[in-house]
């Protein structure tokens, strides 16, 4: 494999890793939102039932 071929392969891998990272960040953001909603719900439920 030539240096140019290896470079192109690494560029493609880098692009895919960036896409994967973006996807994971979106998932993490959604999970944080969901967690916050659950916490609000159960904390409010706890305090209102006392």
PDB file of N, CA and C in Angstrom:
ATOM      1  N   UNK A   1       0.853  -1.179   0.000  1.00  0.00           N
ATOM      2  CA  UNK A   1       0.000   0.000   0.000  1.00  0.00           C
ATOM      3  C   UNK A   1       0.892   1.234   0.000  1.00  0.00           C
ATOM      4  N   UNK A   2       0.577   2.134  -0.896  1.00  0.00           N
ATOM      5  CA  UNK A   2       1.387   3.347  -0.987  1.00  0.00           C
ATOM      6  C   UNK A   2       0.993   4.322   0.121  1.00  0.00           C
ATOM      7  N   UNK A   3       1.821   5.318   0.292  1.00  0.00           N
ATOM      8  CA  UNK A   3       1.547   6.336   1.309  1.00  0.00           C
ATOM      9  C   UNK A   3       0.253   7.078   1.002  1.00  0.00           C
ATOM     10  N   UNK A   4       0.011   7.327  -0.264  1.00  0.00           N
ATOM     11  CA  UNK A   4      -1.206   8.037  -0.663  1.00  0.00           C
ATOM     12  C   UNK A   4      -2.445   7.209  -0.340  1.00  0.00           C
ATOM     13  N   UNK A   5      -2.376   5.910  -0.618  1.00  0.00           N
ATOM     14  CA  UNK A   5      -3.499   5.024  -0.297  1.00  0.00           C
ATOM     15  C   UNK A   5      -3.761   5.002   1.205  1.00  0.00           C
ATOM     16  N   UNK A   6      -2.715   4.912   1.956  1.00  0.00           N
ATOM     17  CA  UNK A   6      -2.847   4.882   3.417  1.00  0.00           C
ATOM     18  C   UNK A   6      -3.422   6.204   3.926  1.00  0.00           C
ATOM     19  N   UNK A   7      -2.954   7.291   3.356  1.00  0.00           N
ATOM     20  CA  UNK A   7      -3.463   8.602   3.748  1.00  0.00           C
ATOM     21  C   UNK A   7      -4.962   8.714   3.461  1.00  0.00           C
ATOM     22  N   UNK A   8      -5.384   8.268   2.292  1.00  0.00           N
ATOM     23  CA  UNK A   8      -6.805   8.316   1.930  1.00  0.00           C
ATOM     24  C   UNK A   8      -7.635   7.439   2.865  1.00  0.00           C
ATOM     25  N   UNK A   9      -7.122   6.287   3.180  1.00  0.00           N
ATOM     26  CA  UNK A   9      -7.825   5.394   4.103  1.00  0.00           C
ATOM     27  C   UNK A   9      -7.968   6.044   5.478  1.00  0.00           C
ATOM     28  N   UNK A  10      -6.935   6.677   5.940  1.00  0.00           N
ATOM     29  CA  UNK A  10      -6.984   7.356   7.237  1.00  0.00           C
ATOM     30  C   UNK A  10      -7.944   8.541   7.208  1.00  0.00           C
ATOM     31  N   UNK A  11      -7.987   9.253   6.099  1.00  0.00           N
ATOM     32  CA  UNK A  11      -8.939  10.361   5.959  1.00  0.00           C
ATOM     33  C   UNK A  11     -10.379   9.859   6.044  1.00  0.00           C
ATOM     34  N   UNK A  12     -10.661   8.766   5.360  1.00  0.00           N
ATOM     35  CA  UNK A  12     -12.004   8.180   5.396  1.00  0.00           C
ATOM     36  C   UNK A  12     -12.359   7.711   6.799  1.00  0.00           C
ATOM     37  N   UNK A  13     -11.409   7.102   7.463  1.00  0.00           N
ATOM     38  CA  UNK A  13     -11.648   6.648   8.833  1.00  0.00           C
ATOM     39  C   UNK A  13     -11.917   7.838   9.754  1.00  0.00           C
ATOM     40  N   UNK A  14     -11.166   8.897   9.559  1.00  0.00           N
ATOM     41  CA  UNK A  14     -11.346  10.099  10.359  1.00  0.00           C
ATOM     42  C   UNK A  14     -12.736  10.697  10.148  1.00  0.00           C
ATOM     43  N   UNK A  15     -13.188  10.737   8.925  1.00  0.00           N
ATOM     44  CA  UNK A  15     -14.528  11.253   8.613  1.00  0.00           C
ATOM     45  C   UNK A  15     -15.586  10.401   9.311  1.00  0.00           C
ATOM     46  N   UNK A  16     -15.427   9.093   9.253  1.00  0.00           N
ATOM     47  CA  UNK A  16     -16.392   8.199   9.896  1.00  0.00           C
ATOM     48  C   UNK A  16     -16.375   8.378  11.411  1.00  0.00           C
ATOM     49  N   UNK A  17     -15.220   8.538  11.986  1.00  0.00           N
ATOM     50  CA  UNK A  17     -15.113   8.750  13.430  1.00  0.00           C
ATOM     51  C   UNK A  17     -15.780  10.056  13.844  1.00  0.00           C
ATOM     52  N   UNK A  18     -15.630  11.083  13.030  1.00  0.00           N
ATOM     53  CA  UNK A  18     -16.291  12.360  13.330  1.00  0.00           C
ATOM     54  C   UNK A  18     -17.807  12.213  13.273  1.00  0.00           C
ATOM     55  N   UNK A  19     -18.306  11.469  12.293  1.00  0.00           N
ATOM     56  CA  UNK A  19     -19.748  11.226  12.196  1.00  0.00           C
ATOM     57  C   UNK A  19     -20.243  10.446  13.409  1.00  0.00           C
ATOM     58  N   UNK A  20     -19.486   9.423  13.785  1.00  0.00           N
ATOM     59  CA  UNK A  20     -19.850   8.625  14.956  1.00  0.00           C
ATOM     60  C   UNK A  20     -19.854   9.477  16.223  1.00  0.00           C
ATOM     61  N   UNK A  21     -18.879  10.340  16.333  1.00  0.00           N
ATOM     62  CA  UNK A  21     -18.801  11.224  17.489  1.00  0.00           C
ATOM     63  C   UNK A  21     -20.008  12.166  17.548  1.00  0.00           C
ATOM     64  N   UNK A  22     -20.383  12.724  16.421  1.00  0.00           N
ATOM     65  CA  UNK A  22     -21.555  13.602  16.368  1.00  0.00           C
ATOM     66  C   UNK A  22     -22.819  12.851  16.789  1.00  0.00           C
ATOM     67  N   UNK A  23     -22.957  11.637  16.290  1.00  0.00           N
ATOM     68  CA  UNK A  23     -24.116  10.824  16.642  1.00  0.00           C
ATOM     69  C   UNK A  23     -24.144  10.534  18.141  1.00  0.00           C
ATOM     70  N   UNK A  24     -23.009  10.193  18.675  1.00  0.00           N
ATOM     71  CA  UNK A  24     -22.934   9.904  20.114  1.00  0.00           C
ATOM     72  C   UNK A  24     -23.246  11.145  20.949  1.00  0.00           C
ATOM     73  N   UNK A  25     -22.779  12.291  20.513  1.00  0.00           N
ATOM     74  CA  UNK A  25     -23.066  13.529  21.245  1.00  0.00           C
ATOM     75  C   UNK A  25     -24.562  13.842  21.218  1.00  0.00           C
ATOM     76  N   UNK A  26     -25.219  13.576  20.108  1.00  0.00           N
ATOM     77  CA  UNK A  26     -26.667  13.782  20.028  1.00  0.00           C
ATOM     78  C   UNK A  26     -27.395  12.828  20.978  1.00  0.00           C
ATOM     79  N   UNK A  27     -26.937  11.603  21.028  1.00  0.00           N
ATOM     80  CA  UNK A  27     -27.544  10.616  21.926  1.00  0.00           C
ATOM     81  C   UNK A  27     -27.336  11.032  23.381  1.00  0.00           C
ATOM     82  N   UNK A  28     -26.145  11.476  23.712  1.00  0.00           N
ATOM     83  CA  UNK A  28     -25.859  11.914  25.076  1.00  0.00           C
ATOM     84  C   UNK A  28     -26.726  13.108  25.456  1.00  0.00           C
ATOM     85  N   UNK A  29     -26.883  14.046  24.547  1.00  0.00           N
ATOM     86  CA  UNK A  29     -27.739  15.203  24.808  1.00  0.00           C
ATOM     87  C   UNK A  29     -29.172  14.761  25.070  1.00  0.00           C
ATOM     88  N   UNK A  30     -29.668  13.839  24.264  1.00  0.00           N
ATOM     89  CA  UNK A  30     -31.030  13.335  24.460  1.00  0.00           C
ATOM     90  C   UNK A  30     -31.150  12.595  25.791  1.00  0.00           C
ATOM     91  N   UNK A  31     -30.149  11.823  26.141  1.00  0.00           N
ATOM     92  CA  UNK A  31     -30.173  11.094  27.411  1.00  0.00           C
ATOM     93  C   UNK A  31     -30.173  12.059  28.599  1.00  0.00           C
ATOM     94  N   UNK A  32     -29.394  13.127  28.500  1.00  0.00           N
ATOM     95  CA  UNK A  32     -29.378  14.127  29.575  1.00  0.00           C
ATOM     96  C   UNK A  32     -30.746  14.776  29.733  1.00  0.00           C
ATOM     97  N   UNK A  33     -31.376  15.093  28.612  1.00  0.00           N
ATOM     98  CA  UNK A  33     -32.705  15.692  28.651  1.00  0.00           C
ATOM     99  C   UNK A  33     -33.699  14.737  29.306  1.00  0.00           C
ATOM    100  N   UNK A  34     -33.642  13.491  28.908  1.00  0.00           N
ATOM    101  CA  UNK A  34     -34.542  12.490  29.475  1.00  0.00           C
ATOM    102  C   UNK A  34     -34.283  12.310  30.971  1.00  0.00           C
ATOM    103  N   UNK A  35     -33.045  12.246  31.346  1.00  0.00           N
ATOM    104  CA  UNK A  35     -32.704  12.102  32.762  1.00  0.00           C
ATOM    105  C   UNK A  35     -33.228  13.289  33.566  1.00  0.00           C
ATOM    106  N   UNK A  36     -33.037  14.485  33.059  1.00  0.00           N
ATOM    107  CA  UNK A  36     -33.525  15.673  33.749  1.00  0.00           C
ATOM    108  C   UNK A  36     -35.046  15.647  33.900  1.00  0.00           C
ATOM    109  N   UNK A  37     -35.744  15.215  32.867  1.00  0.00           N
ATOM    110  CA  UNK A  37     -37.208  15.120  32.947  1.00  0.00           C
ATOM    111  C   UNK A  37     -37.630  14.098  33.995  1.00  0.00           C
ATOM    112  N   UNK A  38     -36.950  12.965  34.005  1.00  0.00           N
ATOM    113  CA  UNK A  38     -37.276  11.943  34.999  1.00  0.00           C
ATOM    114  C   UNK A  38     -37.009  12.440  36.413  1.00  0.00           C
ATOM    115  N   UNK A  39     -35.886  13.094  36.597  1.00  0.00           N
ATOM    116  CA  UNK A  39     -35.567  13.620  37.914  1.00  0.00           C
ATOM    117  C   UNK A  39     -36.594  14.657  38.355  1.00  0.00           C
ATOM    118  N   UNK A  40     -36.940  15.555  37.458  1.00  0.00           N
ATOM    119  CA  UNK A  40     -37.950  16.558  37.786  1.00  0.00           C
ATOM    120  C   UNK A  40     -39.262  15.890  38.171  1.00  0.00           C
ATOM    121  N   UNK A  41     -39.656  14.913  37.401  1.00  0.00           N
ATOM    122  CA  UNK A  41     -40.915  14.227  37.656  1.00  0.00           C
ATOM    123  C   UNK A  41     -40.910  13.559  39.032  1.00  0.00           C
ATOM    124  N   UNK A  42     -39.885  12.797  39.314  1.00  0.00           N
ATOM    125  CA  UNK A  42     -39.860  12.050  40.566  1.00  0.00           C
ATOM    126  C   UNK A  42     -39.557  12.928  41.774  1.00  0.00           C
ATOM    127  N   UNK A  43     -38.761  13.952  41.590  1.00  0.00           N
ATOM    128  CA  UNK A  43     -38.495  14.869  42.705  1.00  0.00           C
ATOM    129  C   UNK A  43     -39.768  15.649  43.016  1.00  0.00           C
ATOM    130  N   UNK A  44     -40.447  16.138  41.991  1.00  0.00           N
ATOM    131  CA  UNK A  44     -41.709  16.849  42.202  1.00  0.00           C
ATOM    132  C   UNK A  44     -42.763  15.923  42.815  1.00  0.00           C
ATOM    133  N   UNK A  45     -42.782  14.695  42.332  1.00  0.00           N
ATOM    134  CA  UNK A  45     -43.744  13.729  42.864  1.00  0.00           C
ATOM    135  C   UNK A  45     -43.454  13.451  44.331  1.00  0.00           C
ATOM    136  N   UNK A  46     -42.187  13.306  44.666  1.00  0.00           N
ATOM    137  CA  UNK A  46     -41.782  13.053  46.071  1.00  0.00           C
ATOM    138  C   UNK A  46     -42.190  14.211  46.953  1.00  0.00           C
ATOM    139  N   UNK A  47     -41.901  15.416  46.536  1.00  0.00           N
ATOM    140  CA  UNK A  47     -42.185  16.582  47.385  1.00  0.00           C
ATOM    141  C   UNK A  47     -43.680  16.876  47.470  1.00  0.00           C
ATOM    142  N   UNK A  48     -44.434  16.583  46.441  1.00  0.00           N
ATOM    143  CA  UNK A  48     -45.865  16.857  46.490  1.00  0.00           C
ATOM    144  C   UNK A  48     -46.618  15.780  47.265  1.00  0.00           C
ATOM    145  N   UNK A  49     -46.063  14.589  47.383  1.00  0.00           N
ATOM    146  CA  UNK A  49     -46.740  13.522  48.119  1.00  0.00           C
ATOM    147  C   UNK A  49     -46.469  13.584  49.620  1.00  0.00           C
ATOM    148  N   UNK A  50     -45.553  14.407  50.033  1.00  0.00           N
ATOM    149  CA  UNK A  50     -45.229  14.509  51.470  1.00  0.00           C
ATOM    150  C   UNK A  50     -46.190  15.421  52.175  1.00  0.00           C
TER     151      UNK A  50
END
